[in-house]
Amino acid sequence: MVHDARRIQVSFSDGGRFPAHTIGDDPATDLAVIRIDAPALVAAPLGDSQKLRVGQLAIAIGNPYGFQYTVTAGVVSALGRSLRSYSGRLIDDVIQTDASLNPGNSGGPLVTSDGHVVGVNTATIMGAQGLCFAIGINTAKFVAGRLLQDGRIRRAYIGVEAQTAPLHRRLVRFYDLQQKSGVIVAAVTPDSPAQRAGLREGDVIISFDGKPVAGVDDLHRLLTDARVGVSSALIVLRWTEKLELKVVPEEVQSN
């Protein structure tokens, strides 16, 4: 964990230790960029996580339970998984592997047999065997680029507490909806974009910016940095009435 760290020190396999400082971190993807004050460092080559195939050899490197520089191997078990981050947002295109990961592996590289980094190890399913996950390197490169440029990742929010809920079949048929579920609003944050747009508790969001919303994760995916400050159409069902509201998402303020 480097979020809010007062002091960061990086250790190398030759015993060298060097200070570092945080450029930026993104809790929504469990990634961070740090700058190491050390000379003549050699970077590991980065691969392309889109070119991975199920069954391909995967090698994980990390410090599980404090055992430094541990190497484990397995295969890519599945691609395109989704994983819930600590912030509650969904991380898409996650790599599933059966390479053994334990606490301490998080942040270490997942590499191919030719030494190219294709993922950043992030999580295991406690109590399960062979269910381990890594953030795809393509996602990591995108996040790192934004952190290097701005020191943060901009994400939009509208200010609601909500959950996925099924839609009544009659409403689906009557309004010819593409989905059978939506996002029901449990609470609206005071002085938020949602409140200013007229959203109410009990409203069911079914579309945002012209795209269907079948659940909370759909809404999160659509609330990108490109929507910050931009008026967007929010289609909701209020009882049996279909309404269009105009909402202007704001940037999520990190703690």
C-alpha atoms as a PDB file:
ATOM      1  CA  MET A   1       0.000   0.000   0.000  1.00  0.00           C
ATOM      2  CA  VAL A   2       1.443   3.362  -1.016  1.00  0.00           C
ATOM      3  CA  HIS A   3      -1.702   5.455  -0.597  1.00  0.00           C
ATOM      4  CA  ASP A   4      -0.937   8.143   2.006  1.00  0.00           C
ATOM      5  CA  ALA A   5       2.434   6.515   2.734  1.00  0.00           C
ATOM      6  CA  ARG A   6       4.823   8.889   4.485  1.00  0.00           C
ATOM      7  CA  ARG A   7       7.929   6.982   3.455  1.00  0.00           C
ATOM      8  CA  ILE A   8       8.548   4.496   0.628  1.00  0.00           C
ATOM      9  CA  GLN A   9      11.652   2.364   0.232  1.00  0.00           C
ATOM     10  CA  VAL A  10      12.303  -0.028  -2.655  1.00  0.00           C
ATOM     11  CA  SER A  11      14.440  -3.148  -2.163  1.00  0.00           C
ATOM     12  CA  PHE A  12      16.274  -4.920  -4.974  1.00  0.00           C
ATOM     13  CA  SER A  13      17.424  -8.527  -5.282  1.00  0.00           C
ATOM     14  CA  ASP A  14      21.093  -7.477  -4.909  1.00  0.00           C
ATOM     15  CA  GLY A  15      20.336  -6.049  -1.476  1.00  0.00           C
ATOM     16  CA  GLY A  16      20.218  -2.411  -2.544  1.00  0.00           C
ATOM     17  CA  ARG A  17      17.583  -0.123  -1.007  1.00  0.00           C
ATOM     18  CA  PHE A  18      16.524   3.177  -2.487  1.00  0.00           C
ATOM     19  CA  PRO A  19      13.965   5.831  -1.541  1.00  0.00           C
ATOM     20  CA  ALA A  20      10.929   6.462  -3.713  1.00  0.00           C
ATOM     21  CA  HIS A  21       7.916   8.718  -3.754  1.00  0.00           C
ATOM     22  CA  THR A  22       4.403   8.432  -5.131  1.00  0.00           C
ATOM     23  CA  ILE A  23       3.540  10.066  -8.448  1.00  0.00           C
ATOM     24  CA  GLY A  24      -0.100   9.061  -8.173  1.00  0.00           C
ATOM     25  CA  ASP A  25      -2.386   6.194  -7.251  1.00  0.00           C
ATOM     26  CA  ASP A  26      -5.729   4.892  -8.432  1.00  0.00           C
ATOM     27  CA  PRO A  27      -7.683   2.888  -5.823  1.00  0.00           C
ATOM     28  CA  ALA A  28     -10.318   2.019  -8.437  1.00  0.00           C
ATOM     29  CA  THR A  29      -7.780  -0.242 -10.203  1.00  0.00           C
ATOM     30  CA  ASP A  30      -5.472  -0.932  -7.236  1.00  0.00           C
ATOM     31  CA  LEU A  31      -2.551   0.616  -9.151  1.00  0.00           C
ATOM     32  CA  ALA A  32       0.028   3.275  -8.349  1.00  0.00           C
ATOM     33  CA  VAL A  33       3.058   4.883  -9.971  1.00  0.00           C
ATOM     34  CA  ILE A  34       6.150   5.569  -7.874  1.00  0.00           C
ATOM     35  CA  ARG A  35       9.433   7.223  -8.824  1.00  0.00           C
ATOM     36  CA  ILE A  36      12.582   5.483  -7.597  1.00  0.00           C
ATOM     37  CA  ASP A  37      15.673   7.555  -6.873  1.00  0.00           C
ATOM     38  CA  ALA A  38      18.199   4.989  -8.137  1.00  0.00           C
ATOM     39  CA  PRO A  39      20.716   5.003 -11.014  1.00  0.00           C
ATOM     40  CA  ALA A  40      20.954   2.701 -14.043  1.00  0.00           C
ATOM     41  CA  LEU A  41      17.702   0.819 -13.600  1.00  0.00           C
ATOM     42  CA  VAL A  42      16.703  -1.671 -16.301  1.00  0.00           C
ATOM     43  CA  ALA A  43      12.981  -1.799 -17.074  1.00  0.00           C
ATOM     44  CA  ALA A  44      11.224  -5.072 -17.752  1.00  0.00           C
ATOM     45  CA  PRO A  45       9.679  -5.191 -21.245  1.00  0.00           C
ATOM     46  CA  LEU A  46       5.904  -4.773 -21.312  1.00  0.00           C
ATOM     47  CA  GLY A  47       3.745  -7.121 -23.339  1.00  0.00           C
ATOM     48  CA  ASP A  48       0.219  -6.872 -24.715  1.00  0.00           C
ATOM     49  CA  SER A  49      -2.478  -8.401 -22.498  1.00  0.00           C
ATOM     50  CA  GLN A  50      -4.891  -8.428 -25.453  1.00  0.00           C
ATOM     51  CA  LYS A  51      -2.714 -11.075 -27.118  1.00  0.00           C
ATOM     52  CA  LEU A  52      -2.894 -13.507 -24.194  1.00  0.00           C
ATOM     53  CA  ARG A  53      -4.568 -16.858 -24.731  1.00  0.00           C
ATOM     54  CA  VAL A  54      -6.178 -19.223 -22.248  1.00  0.00           C
ATOM     55  CA  GLY A  55      -3.734 -22.005 -21.374  1.00  0.00           C
ATOM     56  CA  GLN A  56      -0.661 -19.829 -21.931  1.00  0.00           C
ATOM     57  CA  LEU A  57       2.104 -20.090 -19.330  1.00  0.00           C
ATOM     58  CA  ALA A  58       1.928 -17.385 -16.644  1.00  0.00           C
ATOM     59  CA  ILE A  59       4.723 -16.662 -14.156  1.00  0.00           C
ATOM     60  CA  ALA A  60       4.118 -14.565 -11.039  1.00  0.00           C
ATOM     61  CA  ILE A  61       6.836 -12.843  -9.010  1.00  0.00           C
ATOM     62  CA  GLY A  62       6.358 -11.326  -5.569  1.00  0.00           C
ATOM     63  CA  ASN A  63       6.987 -11.474  -1.839  1.00  0.00           C
ATOM     64  CA  PRO A  64       4.237 -13.729  -0.427  1.00  0.00           C
ATOM     65  CA  TYR A  65       4.136 -13.611   3.364  1.00  0.00           C
ATOM     66  CA  GLY A  66       7.498 -11.829   3.327  1.00  0.00           C
ATOM     67  CA  PHE A  67       9.344 -14.536   1.360  1.00  0.00           C
ATOM     68  CA  GLN A  68      11.152 -12.221  -1.016  1.00  0.00           C
ATOM     69  CA  TYR A  69      11.494 -12.753  -4.766  1.00  0.00           C
ATOM     70  CA  THR A  70       9.271 -15.833  -4.899  1.00  0.00           C
ATOM     71  CA  VAL A  71       8.478 -17.154  -8.375  1.00  0.00           C
ATOM     72  CA  THR A  72       5.401 -19.271  -9.069  1.00  0.00           C
ATOM     73  CA  ALA A  73       4.066 -20.579 -12.370  1.00  0.00           C
ATOM     74  CA  GLY A  74       0.728 -21.598 -13.789  1.00  0.00           C
ATOM     75  CA  VAL A  75      -1.419 -20.890 -16.790  1.00  0.00           C
ATOM     76  CA  VAL A  76      -3.823 -18.196 -17.881  1.00  0.00           C
ATOM     77  CA  SER A  77      -7.116 -19.686 -16.693  1.00  0.00           C
ATOM     78  CA  ALA A  78      -9.504 -17.116 -18.175  1.00  0.00           C
ATOM     79  CA  LEU A  79      -9.555 -13.684 -19.771  1.00  0.00           C
ATOM     80  CA  GLY A  80     -11.968 -10.768 -19.634  1.00  0.00           C
ATOM     81  CA  ARG A  81     -12.958 -11.294 -16.010  1.00  0.00           C
ATOM     82  CA  SER A  82     -14.341  -8.469 -13.885  1.00  0.00           C
ATOM     83  CA  LEU A  83     -13.149  -7.855 -10.329  1.00  0.00           C
ATOM     84  CA  ARG A  84     -14.483  -5.556  -7.624  1.00  0.00           C
ATOM     85  CA  SER A  85     -11.872  -3.046  -6.425  1.00  0.00           C
ATOM     86  CA  TYR A  86     -11.571  -1.695  -2.895  1.00  0.00           C
ATOM     87  CA  SER A  87     -13.372   1.463  -4.038  1.00  0.00           C
ATOM     88  CA  GLY A  88     -16.405  -0.546  -5.129  1.00  0.00           C
ATOM     89  CA  ARG A  89     -15.920   0.023  -8.832  1.00  0.00           C
ATOM     90  CA  LEU A  90     -15.556  -2.889 -11.207  1.00  0.00           C
ATOM     91  CA  ILE A  91     -12.195  -3.503 -12.888  1.00  0.00           C
ATOM     92  CA  ASP A  92     -12.739  -4.921 -16.376  1.00  0.00           C
ATOM     93  CA  ASP A  93     -10.552  -7.224 -18.492  1.00  0.00           C
ATOM     94  CA  VAL A  94      -8.859  -8.862 -15.508  1.00  0.00           C
ATOM     95  CA  ILE A  95      -6.638 -11.905 -16.086  1.00  0.00           C
ATOM     96  CA  GLN A  96      -7.435 -15.055 -14.102  1.00  0.00           C
ATOM     97  CA  THR A  97      -4.522 -17.407 -13.432  1.00  0.00           C
ATOM     98  CA  ASP A  98      -3.780 -20.435 -11.311  1.00  0.00           C
ATOM     99  CA  ALA A  99      -0.210 -19.286 -10.603  1.00  0.00           C
ATOM    100  CA  SER A 100      -0.037 -19.362  -6.809  1.00  0.00           C
ATOM    101  CA  LEU A 101      -0.598 -15.906  -5.303  1.00  0.00           C
ATOM    102  CA  ASN A 102      -0.689 -15.007  -1.623  1.00  0.00           C
ATOM    103  CA  PRO A 103      -0.670 -11.797   0.454  1.00  0.00           C
ATOM    104  CA  GLY A 104       2.520 -10.054  -0.568  1.00  0.00           C
ATOM    105  CA  ASN A 105       2.221 -10.932  -4.262  1.00  0.00           C
ATOM    106  CA  SER A 106       0.011  -7.900  -4.905  1.00  0.00           C
ATOM    107  CA  GLY A 107       1.805  -5.390  -7.102  1.00  0.00           C
ATOM    108  CA  GLY A 108       4.218  -7.950  -8.500  1.00  0.00           C
ATOM    109  CA  PRO A 109       4.432  -8.726 -12.211  1.00  0.00           C
ATOM    110  CA  LEU A 110       2.719 -11.494 -14.127  1.00  0.00           C
ATOM    111  CA  VAL A 111       5.030 -12.396 -16.996  1.00  0.00           C
ATOM    112  CA  THR A 112       5.054 -14.667 -20.012  1.00  0.00           C
ATOM    113  CA  SER A 113       7.687 -17.299 -20.759  1.00  0.00           C
ATOM    114  CA  ASP A 114       9.645 -14.779 -22.842  1.00  0.00           C
ATOM    115  CA  GLY A 115       9.862 -12.338 -19.922  1.00  0.00           C
ATOM    116  CA  HIS A 116       7.276  -9.777 -21.004  1.00  0.00           C
ATOM    117  CA  VAL A 117       5.092  -8.295 -18.256  1.00  0.00           C
ATOM    118  CA  VAL A 118       1.433  -8.880 -19.123  1.00  0.00           C
ATOM    119  CA  GLY A 119      -0.227  -8.123 -15.799  1.00  0.00           C
ATOM    120  CA  VAL A 120       0.030  -6.740 -12.288  1.00  0.00           C
ATOM    121  CA  ASN A 121      -0.948  -9.268  -9.636  1.00  0.00           C
ATOM    122  CA  THR A 122      -3.737  -7.936  -7.489  1.00  0.00           C
ATOM    123  CA  ALA A 123      -5.986 -10.419  -5.664  1.00  0.00           C
ATOM    124  CA  THR A 124      -6.873 -13.927  -4.631  1.00  0.00           C
ATOM    125  CA  ILE A 125     -10.156 -15.461  -3.527  1.00  0.00           C
ATOM    126  CA  MET A 126      -9.677 -16.344   0.121  1.00  0.00           C
ATOM    127  CA  GLY A 127     -10.444 -19.990   0.838  1.00  0.00           C
ATOM    128  CA  ALA A 128     -10.266 -20.964  -2.832  1.00  0.00           C
ATOM    129  CA  GLN A 129      -7.403 -22.663  -4.648  1.00  0.00           C
ATOM    130  CA  GLY A 130      -6.144 -21.600  -8.039  1.00  0.00           C
ATOM    131  CA  LEU A 131      -8.325 -18.473  -8.272  1.00  0.00           C
ATOM    132  CA  CYS A 132      -5.906 -15.580  -8.651  1.00  0.00           C
ATOM    133  CA  PHE A 133      -6.199 -12.360 -10.608  1.00  0.00           C
ATOM    134  CA  ALA A 134      -4.020  -9.747 -12.276  1.00  0.00           C
ATOM    135  CA  ILE A 135      -4.771  -6.369 -13.823  1.00  0.00           C
ATOM    136  CA  GLY A 136      -3.999  -6.547 -17.554  1.00  0.00           C
ATOM    137  CA  ILE A 137      -0.876  -4.626 -18.520  1.00  0.00           C
ATOM    138  CA  ASN A 138      -2.847  -2.660 -21.129  1.00  0.00           C
ATOM    139  CA  THR A 139      -5.060  -1.309 -18.343  1.00  0.00           C
ATOM    140  CA  ALA A 140      -1.960  -0.635 -16.222  1.00  0.00           C
ATOM    141  CA  LYS A 141      -0.278   1.286 -19.043  1.00  0.00           C
ATOM    142  CA  PHE A 142      -3.364   3.461 -19.535  1.00  0.00           C
ATOM    143  CA  VAL A 143      -3.645   4.198 -15.810  1.00  0.00           C
ATOM    144  CA  ALA A 144       0.102   4.819 -15.462  1.00  0.00           C
ATOM    145  CA  GLY A 145       0.048   7.245 -18.384  1.00  0.00           C
ATOM    146  CA  ARG A 146      -2.751   9.263 -16.801  1.00  0.00           C
ATOM    147  CA  LEU A 147      -1.037   9.243 -13.405  1.00  0.00           C
ATOM    148  CA  LEU A 148       2.246  10.424 -14.944  1.00  0.00           C
ATOM    149  CA  GLN A 149       0.434  13.174 -16.826  1.00  0.00           C
ATOM    150  CA  ASP A 150      -1.981  14.385 -14.159  1.00  0.00           C
ATOM    151  CA  GLY A 151      -1.072  12.556 -10.949  1.00  0.00           C
ATOM    152  CA  ARG A 152      -4.617  11.199 -10.744  1.00  0.00           C
ATOM    153  CA  ILE A 153      -7.395   9.526 -12.714  1.00  0.00           C
ATOM    154  CA  ARG A 154     -10.497  11.611 -13.294  1.00  0.00           C
ATOM    155  CA  ARG A 155     -13.767   9.729 -12.853  1.00  0.00           C
ATOM    156  CA  ALA A 156     -17.283  11.076 -12.917  1.00  0.00           C
ATOM    157  CA  TYR A 157     -20.012  10.658 -10.337  1.00  0.00           C
ATOM    158  CA  ILE A 158     -23.618  11.813 -10.020  1.00  0.00           C
ATOM    159  CA  GLY A 159     -24.167  11.278  -6.301  1.00  0.00           C
ATOM    160  CA  VAL A 160     -26.522   8.369  -5.679  1.00  0.00           C
ATOM    161  CA  GLU A 161     -26.636   5.283  -3.516  1.00  0.00           C
ATOM    162  CA  ALA A 162     -28.112   2.630  -5.747  1.00  0.00           C
ATOM    163  CA  GLN A 163     -28.416  -1.057  -6.465  1.00  0.00           C
ATOM    164  CA  THR A 164     -29.349  -3.264  -9.381  1.00  0.00           C
ATOM    165  CA  ALA A 165     -33.024  -4.213  -9.479  1.00  0.00           C
ATOM    166  CA  PRO A 166     -35.232  -6.194 -11.899  1.00  0.00           C
ATOM    167  CA  LEU A 167     -37.773  -4.353 -14.023  1.00  0.00           C
ATOM    168  CA  HIS A 168     -41.422  -5.385 -14.188  1.00  0.00           C
ATOM    169  CA  ARG A 169     -42.086  -7.344 -17.362  1.00  0.00           C
ATOM    170  CA  ARG A 170     -44.970  -5.063 -18.284  1.00  0.00           C
ATOM    171  CA  LEU A 171     -42.689  -2.005 -18.215  1.00  0.00           C
ATOM    172  CA  VAL A 172     -40.068  -3.808 -20.296  1.00  0.00           C
ATOM    173  CA  ARG A 173     -42.673  -4.649 -22.927  1.00  0.00           C
ATOM    174  CA  PHE A 174     -44.512  -1.305 -22.791  1.00  0.00           C
ATOM    175  CA  TYR A 175     -41.351   0.790 -23.262  1.00  0.00           C
ATOM    176  CA  ASP A 176     -39.638  -1.833 -25.483  1.00  0.00           C
ATOM    177  CA  LEU A 177     -36.540  -1.813 -23.261  1.00  0.00           C
ATOM    178  CA  GLN A 178     -33.328  -3.619 -24.188  1.00  0.00           C
ATOM    179  CA  GLN A 179     -32.704  -4.844 -20.635  1.00  0.00           C
ATOM    180  CA  LYS A 180     -34.691  -6.535 -17.886  1.00  0.00           C
ATOM    181  CA  SER A 181     -33.084  -4.686 -14.974  1.00  0.00           C
ATOM    182  CA  GLY A 182     -32.038  -1.186 -14.015  1.00  0.00           C
ATOM    183  CA  VAL A 183     -30.524   0.823 -11.177  1.00  0.00           C
ATOM    184  CA  ILE A 184     -32.885   1.741  -8.369  1.00  0.00           C
ATOM    185  CA  VAL A 185     -31.934   4.865  -6.419  1.00  0.00           C
ATOM    186  CA  ALA A 186     -31.832   4.209  -2.659  1.00  0.00           C
ATOM    187  CA  ALA A 187     -30.614   7.705  -1.710  1.00  0.00           C
ATOM    188  CA  VAL A 188     -29.570  10.945  -3.368  1.00  0.00           C
ATOM    189  CA  THR A 189     -26.587  12.881  -2.010  1.00  0.00           C
ATOM    190  CA  PRO A 190     -27.506  16.451  -1.027  1.00  0.00           C
ATOM    191  CA  ASP A 191     -26.216  19.148  -3.395  1.00  0.00           C
ATOM    192  CA  SER A 192     -25.068  16.512  -5.874  1.00  0.00           C
ATOM    193  CA  PRO A 193     -25.500  16.425  -9.662  1.00  0.00           C
ATOM    194  CA  ALA A 194     -28.295  13.873  -9.186  1.00  0.00           C
ATOM    195  CA  GLN A 195     -30.226  16.121  -6.804  1.00  0.00           C
ATOM    196  CA  ARG A 196     -29.822  19.114  -9.092  1.00  0.00           C
ATOM    197  CA  ALA A 197     -31.077  16.991 -11.993  1.00  0.00           C
ATOM    198  CA  GLY A 198     -34.255  16.158 -10.054  1.00  0.00           C
ATOM    199  CA  LEU A 199     -33.485  12.500  -9.382  1.00  0.00           C
ATOM    200  CA  ARG A 200     -35.502  11.061  -6.486  1.00  0.00           C
ATOM    201  CA  GLU A 201     -35.309   8.093  -4.175  1.00  0.00           C
ATOM    202  CA  GLY A 202     -37.123   5.184  -5.799  1.00  0.00           C
ATOM    203  CA  ASP A 203     -36.369   6.265  -9.371  1.00  0.00           C
ATOM    204  CA  VAL A 204     -34.994   3.502 -11.591  1.00  0.00           C
ATOM    205  CA  ILE A 205     -32.213   4.528 -13.972  1.00  0.00           C
ATOM    206  CA  ILE A 206     -32.469   2.645 -17.267  1.00  0.00           C
ATOM    207  CA  SER A 207     -30.290   4.728 -19.581  1.00  0.00           C
ATOM    208  CA  PHE A 208     -27.373   7.153 -19.385  1.00  0.00           C
ATOM    209  CA  ASP A 209     -26.040   9.188 -22.295  1.00  0.00           C
ATOM    210  CA  GLY A 210     -28.141   7.147 -24.714  1.00  0.00           C
ATOM    211  CA  LYS A 211     -26.809   3.779 -23.527  1.00  0.00           C
ATOM    212  CA  PRO A 212     -28.851   1.188 -21.626  1.00  0.00           C
ATOM    213  CA  VAL A 213     -28.107   0.737 -17.926  1.00  0.00           C
ATOM    214  CA  ALA A 214     -28.910  -2.748 -16.620  1.00  0.00           C
ATOM    215  CA  GLY A 215     -27.022  -2.451 -13.347  1.00  0.00           C
ATOM    216  CA  VAL A 216     -24.727  -0.418 -11.128  1.00  0.00           C
ATOM    217  CA  ASP A 217     -21.639  -1.647 -12.955  1.00  0.00           C
ATOM    218  CA  ASP A 218     -23.007  -0.397 -16.283  1.00  0.00           C
ATOM    219  CA  LEU A 219     -23.470   3.044 -14.721  1.00  0.00           C
ATOM    220  CA  HIS A 220     -19.901   3.011 -13.355  1.00  0.00           C
ATOM    221  CA  ARG A 221     -18.499   2.096 -16.772  1.00  0.00           C
ATOM    222  CA  LEU A 222     -20.363   4.980 -18.400  1.00  0.00           C
ATOM    223  CA  LEU A 223     -19.268   7.556 -15.815  1.00  0.00           C
ATOM    224  CA  THR A 224     -15.877   8.156 -17.414  1.00  0.00           C
ATOM    225  CA  ASP A 225     -13.702  11.238 -17.184  1.00  0.00           C
ATOM    226  CA  ALA A 226     -15.122  12.375 -20.540  1.00  0.00           C
ATOM    227  CA  ARG A 227     -18.515  12.917 -18.859  1.00  0.00           C
ATOM    228  CA  VAL A 228     -17.203  15.312 -16.183  1.00  0.00           C
ATOM    229  CA  GLY A 229     -18.937  18.658 -16.656  1.00  0.00           C
ATOM    230  CA  VAL A 230     -20.912  17.460 -19.674  1.00  0.00           C
ATOM    231  CA  SER A 231     -24.714  17.526 -19.655  1.00  0.00           C
ATOM    232  CA  SER A 232     -25.961  13.975 -20.196  1.00  0.00           C
ATOM    233  CA  ALA A 233     -29.417  12.479 -20.669  1.00  0.00           C
ATOM    234  CA  LEU A 234     -30.548  10.292 -17.773  1.00  0.00           C
ATOM    235  CA  ILE A 235     -33.631   8.172 -18.501  1.00  0.00           C
ATOM    236  CA  VAL A 236     -35.503   6.978 -15.413  1.00  0.00           C
ATOM    237  CA  LEU A 237     -38.708   5.179 -14.556  1.00  0.00           C
ATOM    238  CA  ARG A 238     -40.680   6.930 -11.816  1.00  0.00           C
ATOM    239  CA  TRP A 239     -43.429   4.500 -10.899  1.00  0.00           C
ATOM    240  CA  THR A 240     -44.775   3.761 -14.391  1.00  0.00           C
ATOM    241  CA  GLU A 241     -43.741   7.052 -15.988  1.00  0.00           C
ATOM    242  CA  LYS A 242     -40.648   7.324 -18.179  1.00  0.00           C
ATOM    243  CA  LEU A 243     -38.756  10.593 -17.674  1.00  0.00           C
ATOM    244  CA  GLU A 244     -35.672  12.200 -19.191  1.00  0.00           C
ATOM    245  CA  LEU A 245     -33.507  14.240 -16.812  1.00  0.00           C
ATOM    246  CA  LYS A 246     -30.398  16.244 -17.592  1.00  0.00           C
ATOM    247  CA  VAL A 247     -27.464  15.571 -15.284  1.00  0.00           C
ATOM    248  CA  VAL A 248     -23.990  17.116 -15.276  1.00  0.00           C
ATOM    249  CA  PRO A 249     -21.576  14.631 -13.636  1.00  0.00           C
ATOM    250  CA  GLU A 250     -18.793  15.963 -11.424  1.00  0.00           C
ATOM    251  CA  GLU A 251     -15.340  14.619 -10.752  1.00  0.00           C
ATOM    252  CA  VAL A 252     -14.942  12.132  -7.926  1.00  0.00           C
ATOM    253  CA  GLN A 253     -12.957  13.765  -5.148  1.00  0.00           C
ATOM    254  CA  SER A 254     -10.357  11.395  -3.710  1.00  0.00           C
ATOM    255  CA  ASN A 255      -9.859  11.197   0.050  1.00  0.00           C
END
